[in-house]
PDB file of N, CA and C in Angstrom:
ATOM      1  N   MET A   1       0.818  -1.187   0.000  1.00  0.00           N
ATOM      2  CA  MET A   1       0.000   0.000   0.000  1.00  0.00           C
ATOM      3  C   MET A   1       0.870   1.262   0.000  1.00  0.00           C
ATOM      4  N   LEU A   2       1.994   1.235   0.698  1.00  0.00           N
ATOM      5  CA  LEU A   2       2.888   2.386   0.761  1.00  0.00           C
ATOM      6  C   LEU A   2       3.453   2.701  -0.624  1.00  0.00           C
ATOM      7  N   ALA A   3       3.922   1.681  -1.319  1.00  0.00           N
ATOM      8  CA  ALA A   3       4.456   1.875  -2.666  1.00  0.00           C
ATOM      9  C   ALA A   3       3.387   2.391  -3.617  1.00  0.00           C
ATOM     10  N   ASP A   4       2.180   1.865  -3.521  1.00  0.00           N
ATOM     11  CA  ASP A   4       1.090   2.314  -4.385  1.00  0.00           C
ATOM     12  C   ASP A   4       0.768   3.784  -4.160  1.00  0.00           C
ATOM     13  N   ALA A   5       0.738   4.199  -2.913  1.00  0.00           N
ATOM     14  CA  ALA A   5       0.400   5.589  -2.590  1.00  0.00           C
ATOM     15  C   ALA A   5       1.433   6.558  -3.134  1.00  0.00           C
ATOM     16  N   PHE A   6       2.698   6.170  -3.113  1.00  0.00           N
ATOM     17  CA  PHE A   6       3.769   7.066  -3.548  1.00  0.00           C
ATOM     18  C   PHE A   6       4.114   6.918  -5.028  1.00  0.00           C
ATOM     19  N   SER A   7       3.646   5.860  -5.687  1.00  0.00           N
ATOM     20  CA  SER A   7       3.998   5.626  -7.086  1.00  0.00           C
ATOM     21  C   SER A   7       3.430   6.671  -8.033  1.00  0.00           C
ATOM     22  N   GLN A   8       2.450   7.438  -7.591  1.00  0.00           N
ATOM     23  CA  GLN A   8       1.903   8.498  -8.446  1.00  0.00           C
ATOM     24  C   GLN A   8       2.921   9.606  -8.703  1.00  0.00           C
ATOM     25  N   PHE A   9       4.016   9.639  -7.940  1.00  0.00           N
ATOM     26  CA  PHE A   9       5.029  10.676  -8.096  1.00  0.00           C
ATOM     27  C   PHE A   9       6.242  10.213  -8.884  1.00  0.00           C
ATOM     28  N   GLY A  10       6.315   8.925  -9.197  1.00  0.00           N
ATOM     29  CA  GLY A  10       7.434   8.408  -9.970  1.00  0.00           C
ATOM     30  C   GLY A  10       7.678   6.942  -9.669  1.00  0.00           C
ATOM     31  N   GLN A  11       8.811   6.460 -10.119  1.00  0.00           N
ATOM     32  CA  GLN A  11       9.150   5.050  -9.949  1.00  0.00           C
ATOM     33  C   GLN A  11       9.675   4.792  -8.547  1.00  0.00           C
ATOM     34  N   VAL A  12       8.907   4.037  -7.766  1.00  0.00           N
ATOM     35  CA  VAL A  12       9.314   3.647  -6.421  1.00  0.00           C
ATOM     36  C   VAL A  12      10.214   2.424  -6.553  1.00  0.00           C
ATOM     37  N   THR A  13      11.451   2.561  -6.093  1.00  0.00           N
ATOM     38  CA  THR A  13      12.380   1.431  -6.185  1.00  0.00           C
ATOM     39  C   THR A  13      12.330   0.548  -4.941  1.00  0.00           C
ATOM     40  N   GLU A  14      11.878   1.137  -3.822  1.00  0.00           N
ATOM     41  CA  GLU A  14      11.754   0.363  -2.585  1.00  0.00           C
ATOM     42  C   GLU A  14      10.787   1.069  -1.644  1.00  0.00           C
ATOM     43  N   ALA A  15       9.964   0.299  -0.967  1.00  0.00           N
ATOM     44  CA  ALA A  15       9.068   0.820   0.060  1.00  0.00           C
ATOM     45  C   ALA A  15       9.073  -0.173   1.215  1.00  0.00           C
ATOM     46  N   THR A  16       9.451   0.295   2.385  1.00  0.00           N
ATOM     47  CA  THR A  16       9.613  -0.579   3.538  1.00  0.00           C
ATOM     48  C   THR A  16       8.912   0.021   4.747  1.00  0.00           C
ATOM     49  N   ILE A  17       8.116  -0.769   5.418  1.00  0.00           N
ATOM     50  CA  ILE A  17       7.511  -0.369   6.695  1.00  0.00           C
ATOM     51  C   ILE A  17       8.312  -1.059   7.789  1.00  0.00           C
ATOM     52  N   ILE A  18       8.762  -0.291   8.753  1.00  0.00           N
ATOM     53  CA  ILE A  18       9.586  -0.835   9.837  1.00  0.00           C
ATOM     54  C   ILE A  18       8.668  -1.509  10.856  1.00  0.00           C
ATOM     55  N   MET A  19       9.004  -2.756  11.159  1.00  0.00           N
ATOM     56  CA  MET A  19       8.169  -3.565  12.044  1.00  0.00           C
ATOM     57  C   MET A  19       8.827  -3.779  13.404  1.00  0.00           C
ATOM     58  N   ASP A  20       7.999  -3.868  14.433  1.00  0.00           N
ATOM     59  CA  ASP A  20       8.436  -4.272  15.761  1.00  0.00           C
ATOM     60  C   ASP A  20       8.382  -5.793  15.766  1.00  0.00           C
ATOM     61  N   LYS A  21       9.533  -6.421  15.787  1.00  0.00           N
ATOM     62  CA  LYS A  21       9.587  -7.884  15.668  1.00  0.00           C
ATOM     63  C   LYS A  21       8.957  -8.590  16.860  1.00  0.00           C
ATOM     64  N   GLY A  22       9.063  -8.004  18.039  1.00  0.00           N
ATOM     65  CA  GLY A  22       8.499  -8.629  19.229  1.00  0.00           C
ATOM     66  C   GLY A  22       6.978  -8.622  19.232  1.00  0.00           C
ATOM     67  N   LYS A  23       6.394  -7.544  18.744  1.00  0.00           N
ATOM     68  CA  LYS A  23       4.929  -7.413  18.735  1.00  0.00           C
ATOM     69  C   LYS A  23       4.330  -7.714  17.374  1.00  0.00           C
ATOM     70  N   ASN A  24       5.190  -7.916  16.360  1.00  0.00           N
ATOM     71  CA  ASN A  24       4.763  -8.217  14.999  1.00  0.00           C
ATOM     72  C   ASN A  24       3.760  -7.192  14.469  1.00  0.00           C
ATOM     73  N   ARG A  25       4.094  -5.901  14.683  1.00  0.00           N
ATOM     74  CA  ARG A  25       3.262  -4.827  14.132  1.00  0.00           C
ATOM     75  C   ARG A  25       4.160  -3.654  13.746  1.00  0.00           C
ATOM     76  N   SER A  26       3.582  -2.744  13.003  1.00  0.00           N
ATOM     77  CA  SER A  26       4.335  -1.597  12.518  1.00  0.00           C
ATOM     78  C   SER A  26       4.785  -0.702  13.660  1.00  0.00           C
ATOM     79  N   LYS A  27       6.001  -0.137  13.526  1.00  0.00           N
ATOM     80  CA  LYS A  27       6.481   0.843  14.490  1.00  0.00           C
ATOM     81  C   LYS A  27       5.936   2.235  14.173  1.00  0.00           C
ATOM     82  N   GLY A  28       5.257   2.358  13.047  1.00  0.00           N
ATOM     83  CA  GLY A  28       4.626   3.627  12.699  1.00  0.00           C
ATOM     84  C   GLY A  28       5.423   4.480  11.740  1.00  0.00           C
ATOM     85  N   TYR A  29       6.452   3.909  11.131  1.00  0.00           N
ATOM     86  CA  TYR A  29       7.197   4.658  10.124  1.00  0.00           C
ATOM     87  C   TYR A  29       7.763   3.707   9.081  1.00  0.00           C
ATOM     88  N   GLY A  30       8.172   4.302   7.972  1.00  0.00           N
ATOM     89  CA  GLY A  30       8.733   3.506   6.898  1.00  0.00           C
ATOM     90  C   GLY A  30       9.577   4.374   5.990  1.00  0.00           C
ATOM     91  N   TYR A  31      10.089   3.766   4.940  1.00  0.00           N
ATOM     92  CA  TYR A  31      10.961   4.444   3.993  1.00  0.00           C
ATOM     93  C   TYR A  31      10.495   4.153   2.575  1.00  0.00           C
ATOM     94  N   VAL A  32      10.535   5.187   1.738  1.00  0.00           N
ATOM     95  CA  VAL A  32      10.219   5.044   0.327  1.00  0.00           C
ATOM     96  C   VAL A  32      11.406   5.598  -0.455  1.00  0.00           C
ATOM     97  N   THR A  33      11.885   4.834  -1.419  1.00  0.00           N
ATOM     98  CA  THR A  33      13.005   5.252  -2.247  1.00  0.00           C
ATOM     99  C   THR A  33      12.528   5.390  -3.688  1.00  0.00           C
ATOM    100  N   PHE A  34      12.886   6.517  -4.314  1.00  0.00           N
ATOM    101  CA  PHE A  34      12.521   6.780  -5.708  1.00  0.00           C
ATOM    102  C   PHE A  34      13.741   6.645  -6.603  1.00  0.00           C
ATOM    103  N   SER A  35      13.484   6.505  -7.895  1.00  0.00           N
ATOM    104  CA  SER A  35      14.583   6.367  -8.841  1.00  0.00           C
ATOM    105  C   SER A  35      15.304   7.689  -9.091  1.00  0.00           C
ATOM    106  N   THR A  36      14.627   8.829  -8.853  1.00  0.00           N
ATOM    107  CA  THR A  36      15.291  10.124  -9.031  1.00  0.00           C
ATOM    108  C   THR A  36      15.000  11.040  -7.845  1.00  0.00           C
ATOM    109  N   GLU A  37      15.885  11.975  -7.632  1.00  0.00           N
ATOM    110  CA  GLU A  37      15.722  12.968  -6.569  1.00  0.00           C
ATOM    111  C   GLU A  37      14.494  13.850  -6.822  1.00  0.00           C
ATOM    112  N   GLU A  38      14.237  14.166  -8.085  1.00  0.00           N
ATOM    113  CA  GLU A  38      13.094  15.020  -8.429  1.00  0.00           C
ATOM    114  C   GLU A  38      11.779  14.360  -8.033  1.00  0.00           C
ATOM    115  N   GLU A  39      11.664  13.063  -8.275  1.00  0.00           N
ATOM    116  CA  GLU A  39      10.454  12.332  -7.895  1.00  0.00           C
ATOM    117  C   GLU A  39      10.288  12.342  -6.378  1.00  0.00           C
ATOM    118  N   ALA A  40      11.384  12.140  -5.681  1.00  0.00           N
ATOM    119  CA  ALA A  40      11.331  12.118  -4.214  1.00  0.00           C
ATOM    120  C   ALA A  40      10.902  13.480  -3.668  1.00  0.00           C
ATOM    121  N   GLN A  41      11.419  14.555  -4.240  1.00  0.00           N
ATOM    122  CA  GLN A  41      11.062  15.902  -3.776  1.00  0.00           C
ATOM    123  C   GLN A  41       9.591  16.213  -4.042  1.00  0.00           C
ATOM    124  N   LYS A  42       9.073  15.773  -5.171  1.00  0.00           N
ATOM    125  CA  LYS A  42       7.657  15.969  -5.501  1.00  0.00           C
ATOM    126  C   LYS A  42       6.781  15.219  -4.497  1.00  0.00           C
ATOM    127  N   ALA A  43       7.139  13.982  -4.188  1.00  0.00           N
ATOM    128  CA  ALA A  43       6.376  13.198  -3.217  1.00  0.00           C
ATOM    129  C   ALA A  43       6.428  13.841  -1.840  1.00  0.00           C
ATOM    130  N   LEU A  44       7.601  14.330  -1.463  1.00  0.00           N
ATOM    131  CA  LEU A  44       7.756  14.983  -0.167  1.00  0.00           C
ATOM    132  C   LEU A  44       6.826  16.189  -0.073  1.00  0.00           C
ATOM    133  N   ALA A  45       6.804  17.006  -1.101  1.00  0.00           N
ATOM    134  CA  ALA A  45       5.976  18.216  -1.098  1.00  0.00           C
ATOM    135  C   ALA A  45       4.485  17.897  -1.108  1.00  0.00           C
ATOM    136  N   ASP A  46       4.093  16.891  -1.871  1.00  0.00           N
ATOM    137  CA  ASP A  46       2.660  16.614  -2.040  1.00  0.00           C
ATOM    138  C   ASP A  46       2.062  15.679  -0.993  1.00  0.00           C
ATOM    139  N   MET A  47       2.852  14.790  -0.411  1.00  0.00           N
ATOM    140  CA  MET A  47       2.299  13.800   0.520  1.00  0.00           C
ATOM    141  C   MET A  47       2.398  14.193   1.993  1.00  0.00           C
ATOM    142  N   ASN A  48       3.253  15.125   2.316  1.00  0.00           N
ATOM    143  CA  ASN A  48       3.427  15.507   3.719  1.00  0.00           C
ATOM    144  C   ASN A  48       2.123  16.068   4.290  1.00  0.00           C
ATOM    145  N   GLY A  49       1.664  15.477   5.375  1.00  0.00           N
ATOM    146  CA  GLY A  49       0.448  15.917   6.037  1.00  0.00           C
ATOM    147  C   GLY A  49      -0.830  15.316   5.480  1.00  0.00           C
ATOM    148  N   LYS A  50      -0.731  14.444   4.498  1.00  0.00           N
ATOM    149  CA  LYS A  50      -1.908  13.812   3.892  1.00  0.00           C
ATOM    150  C   LYS A  50      -2.334  12.582   4.677  1.00  0.00           C
ATOM    151  N   LEU A  51      -3.576  12.158   4.425  1.00  0.00           N
ATOM    152  CA  LEU A  51      -4.094  10.935   5.045  1.00  0.00           C
ATOM    153  C   LEU A  51      -3.714   9.725   4.200  1.00  0.00           C
ATOM    154  N   LEU A  52      -3.253   8.696   4.857  1.00  0.00           N
ATOM    155  CA  LEU A  52      -2.958   7.423   4.213  1.00  0.00           C
ATOM    156  C   LEU A  52      -3.466   6.329   5.136  1.00  0.00           C
ATOM    157  N   ASP A  53      -4.416   5.570   4.656  1.00  0.00           N
ATOM    158  CA  ASP A  53      -5.017   4.490   5.443  1.00  0.00           C
ATOM    159  C   ASP A  53      -5.566   5.008   6.775  1.00  0.00           C
ATOM    160  N   GLY A  54      -6.161   6.197   6.732  1.00  0.00           N
ATOM    161  CA  GLY A  54      -6.793   6.768   7.913  1.00  0.00           C
ATOM    162  C   GLY A  54      -5.852   7.454   8.889  1.00  0.00           C
ATOM    163  N   ARG A  55      -4.576   7.576   8.516  1.00  0.00           N
ATOM    164  CA  ARG A  55      -3.595   8.209   9.395  1.00  0.00           C
ATOM    165  C   ARG A  55      -2.905   9.347   8.657  1.00  0.00           C
ATOM    166  N   VAL A  56      -2.631  10.426   9.370  1.00  0.00           N
ATOM    167  CA  VAL A  56      -1.867  11.524   8.789  1.00  0.00           C
ATOM    168  C   VAL A  56      -0.411  11.074   8.714  1.00  0.00           C
ATOM    169  N   ILE A  57       0.204  11.283   7.551  1.00  0.00           N
ATOM    170  CA  ILE A  57       1.602  10.904   7.401  1.00  0.00           C
ATOM    171  C   ILE A  57       2.477  12.149   7.309  1.00  0.00           C
ATOM    172  N   PHE A  58       3.671  12.024   7.800  1.00  0.00           N
ATOM    173  CA  PHE A  58       4.667  13.094   7.738  1.00  0.00           C
ATOM    174  C   PHE A  58       5.825  12.575   6.915  1.00  0.00           C
ATOM    175  N   VAL A  59       6.170  13.323   5.880  1.00  0.00           N
ATOM    176  CA  VAL A  59       7.206  12.909   4.944  1.00  0.00           C
ATOM    177  C   VAL A  59       8.406  13.832   5.110  1.00  0.00           C
ATOM    178  N   ASP A  60       9.582  13.243   5.207  1.00  0.00           N
ATOM    179  CA  ASP A  60      10.804  14.016   5.379  1.00  0.00           C
ATOM    180  C   ASP A  60      11.940  13.295   4.660  1.00  0.00           C
ATOM    181  N   ASN A  61      12.988  14.035   4.376  1.00  0.00           N
ATOM    182  CA  ASN A  61      14.195  13.418   3.808  1.00  0.00           C
ATOM    183  C   ASN A  61      14.895  12.624   4.899  1.00  0.00           C
ATOM    184  N   VAL A  62      15.472  11.514   4.510  1.00  0.00           N
ATOM    185  CA  VAL A  62      16.268  10.722   5.441  1.00  0.00           C
ATOM    186  C   VAL A  62      17.652  11.342   5.499  1.00  0.00           C
ATOM    187  N   ARG A  63      18.128  11.524   6.696  1.00  0.00           N
ATOM    188  CA  ARG A  63      19.501  11.999   6.862  1.00  0.00           C
ATOM    189  C   ARG A  63      20.412  10.780   6.874  1.00  0.00           C
ATOM    190  N   PRO A  64      21.415  10.762   6.001  1.00  0.00           N
ATOM    191  CA  PRO A  64      22.291   9.587   5.954  1.00  0.00           C
ATOM    192  C   PRO A  64      22.992   9.367   7.285  1.00  0.00           C
ATOM    193  N   SER A  65      23.038   8.141   7.685  1.00  0.00           N
ATOM    194  CA  SER A  65      23.737   7.778   8.909  1.00  0.00           C
ATOM    195  C   SER A  65      25.221   7.693   8.620  1.00  0.00           C
ATOM    196  N   ARG A  66      26.017   8.300   9.452  1.00  0.00           N
ATOM    197  CA  ARG A  66      27.468   8.246   9.252  1.00  0.00           C
ATOM    198  C   ARG A  66      27.959   6.799   9.312  1.00  0.00           C
ATOM    199  N   ARG A  67      27.281   6.004  10.087  1.00  0.00           N
ATOM    200  CA  ARG A  67      27.673   4.606  10.237  1.00  0.00           C
ATOM    201  C   ARG A  67      27.612   3.859   8.902  1.00  0.00           C
ATOM    202  N   TYR A  68      26.688   4.251   8.027  1.00  0.00           N
ATOM    203  CA  TYR A  68      26.520   3.554   6.763  1.00  0.00           C
ATOM    204  C   TYR A  68      27.065   4.335   5.580  1.00  0.00           C
ATOM    205  N   ASN A  69      27.729   5.447   5.828  1.00  0.00           N
ATOM    206  CA  ASN A  69      28.307   6.244   4.755  1.00  0.00           C
ATOM    207  C   ASN A  69      29.552   5.527   4.231  1.00  0.00           C
ATOM    208  N   THR A  70      29.446   4.970   3.041  1.00  0.00           N
ATOM    209  CA  THR A  70      30.565   4.190   2.508  1.00  0.00           C
ATOM    210  C   THR A  70      31.704   5.063   2.019  1.00  0.00           C
ATOM    211  N   ASP A  71      31.471   6.372   1.873  1.00  0.00           N
ATOM    212  CA  ASP A  71      32.537   7.276   1.438  1.00  0.00           C
ATOM    213  C   ASP A  71      33.454   7.659   2.591  1.00  0.00           C
ATOM    214  N   ALA A  72      32.976   7.522   3.813  1.00  0.00           N
ATOM    215  CA  ALA A  72      33.777   7.900   4.975  1.00  0.00           C
ATOM    216  C   ALA A  72      34.610   6.705   5.425  1.00  0.00           C
ATOM    217  N   PRO A  73      35.854   6.940   5.781  1.00  0.00           N
ATOM    218  CA  PRO A  73      36.682   5.830   6.252  1.00  0.00           C
ATOM    219  C   PRO A  73      36.156   5.293   7.578  1.00  0.00           C
ATOM    220  N   LEU A  74      36.231   3.995   7.738  1.00  0.00           N
ATOM    221  CA  LEU A  74      35.794   3.379   8.986  1.00  0.00           C
ATOM    222  C   LEU A  74      36.865   3.485  10.056  1.00  0.00           C
ATOM    223  N   ALA A  75      38.111   3.514   9.649  1.00  0.00           N
ATOM    224  CA  ALA A  75      39.225   3.653  10.586  1.00  0.00           C
ATOM    225  C   ALA A  75      40.178   4.685  10.010  1.00  0.00           C
ATOM    226  N   ARG A  76      40.780   5.439  10.875  1.00  0.00           N
ATOM    227  CA  ARG A  76      41.704   6.478  10.421  1.00  0.00           C
ATOM    228  C   ARG A  76      43.073   6.248  11.017  1.00  0.00           C
ATOM    229  N   GLN A  77      44.061   6.632  10.259  1.00  0.00           N
ATOM    230  CA  GLN A  77      45.426   6.581  10.755  1.00  0.00           C
ATOM    231  C   GLN A  77      45.697   7.808  11.581  1.00  0.00           C
ATOM    232  N   LEU A  78      46.508   7.640  12.600  1.00  0.00           N
ATOM    233  CA  LEU A  78      46.941   8.798  13.370  1.00  0.00           C
ATOM    234  C   LEU A  78      47.865   9.635  12.510  1.00  0.00           C
ATOM    235  N   PRO A  79      47.798  10.963  12.628  1.00  0.00           N
ATOM    236  CA  PRO A  79      48.707  11.785  11.842  1.00  0.00           C
ATOM    237  C   PRO A  79      50.147  11.475  12.234  1.00  0.00           C
ATOM    238  N   GLN A  80      51.001  11.487  11.247  1.00  0.00           N
ATOM    239  CA  GLN A  80      52.415  11.223  11.501  1.00  0.00           C
ATOM    240  C   GLN A  80      53.062  12.441  12.123  1.00  0.00           C
ATOM    241  N   SER A  81      53.970  12.189  13.038  1.00  0.00           N
ATOM    242  CA  SER A  81      54.720  13.297  13.653  1.00  0.00           C
ATOM    243  C   SER A  81      55.797  13.736  12.660  1.00  0.00           C
ATOM    244  N   PRO A  82      56.270  14.964  12.748  1.00  0.00           N
ATOM    245  CA  PRO A  82      57.299  15.456  11.827  1.00  0.00           C
ATOM    246  C   PRO A  82      58.554  14.578  11.813  1.00  0.00           C
ATOM    247  N   GLU A  83      58.873  13.917  12.936  1.00  0.00           N
ATOM    248  CA  GLU A  83      60.082  13.088  12.982  1.00  0.00           C
ATOM    249  C   GLU A  83      59.927  11.835  12.111  1.00  0.00           C
ATOM    250  N   GLU A  84      58.687  11.348  11.895  1.00  0.00           N
ATOM    251  CA  GLU A  84      58.459  10.126  11.130  1.00  0.00           C
ATOM    252  C   GLU A  84      58.497  10.356   9.629  1.00  0.00           C
ATOM    253  N   ASN A  85      58.437  11.581   9.171  1.00  0.00           N
ATOM    254  CA  ASN A  85      58.437  11.873   7.725  1.00  0.00           C
ATOM    255  C   ASN A  85      59.777  11.826   7.166  1.00  0.00           C
TER     256      ASN A  85
END
């Protein structure tokens, strides 16, 4: 249902509802990924504050987690002292 609701704005490549595994029910949020940034921005502007399945939804950009940023080094070398150069 989440993918269907957002597909009117473009190609949804992934739609995931986060579940509470212990209670086997939704935690009340999810993620939708679009094929282009423009589609995602249109969905954000048009869907924020709308009703979906009887509930008001709030749409926001996901802030990338540093933990999963593959461009950032996972371990860093200590700077070399002038004597080691």
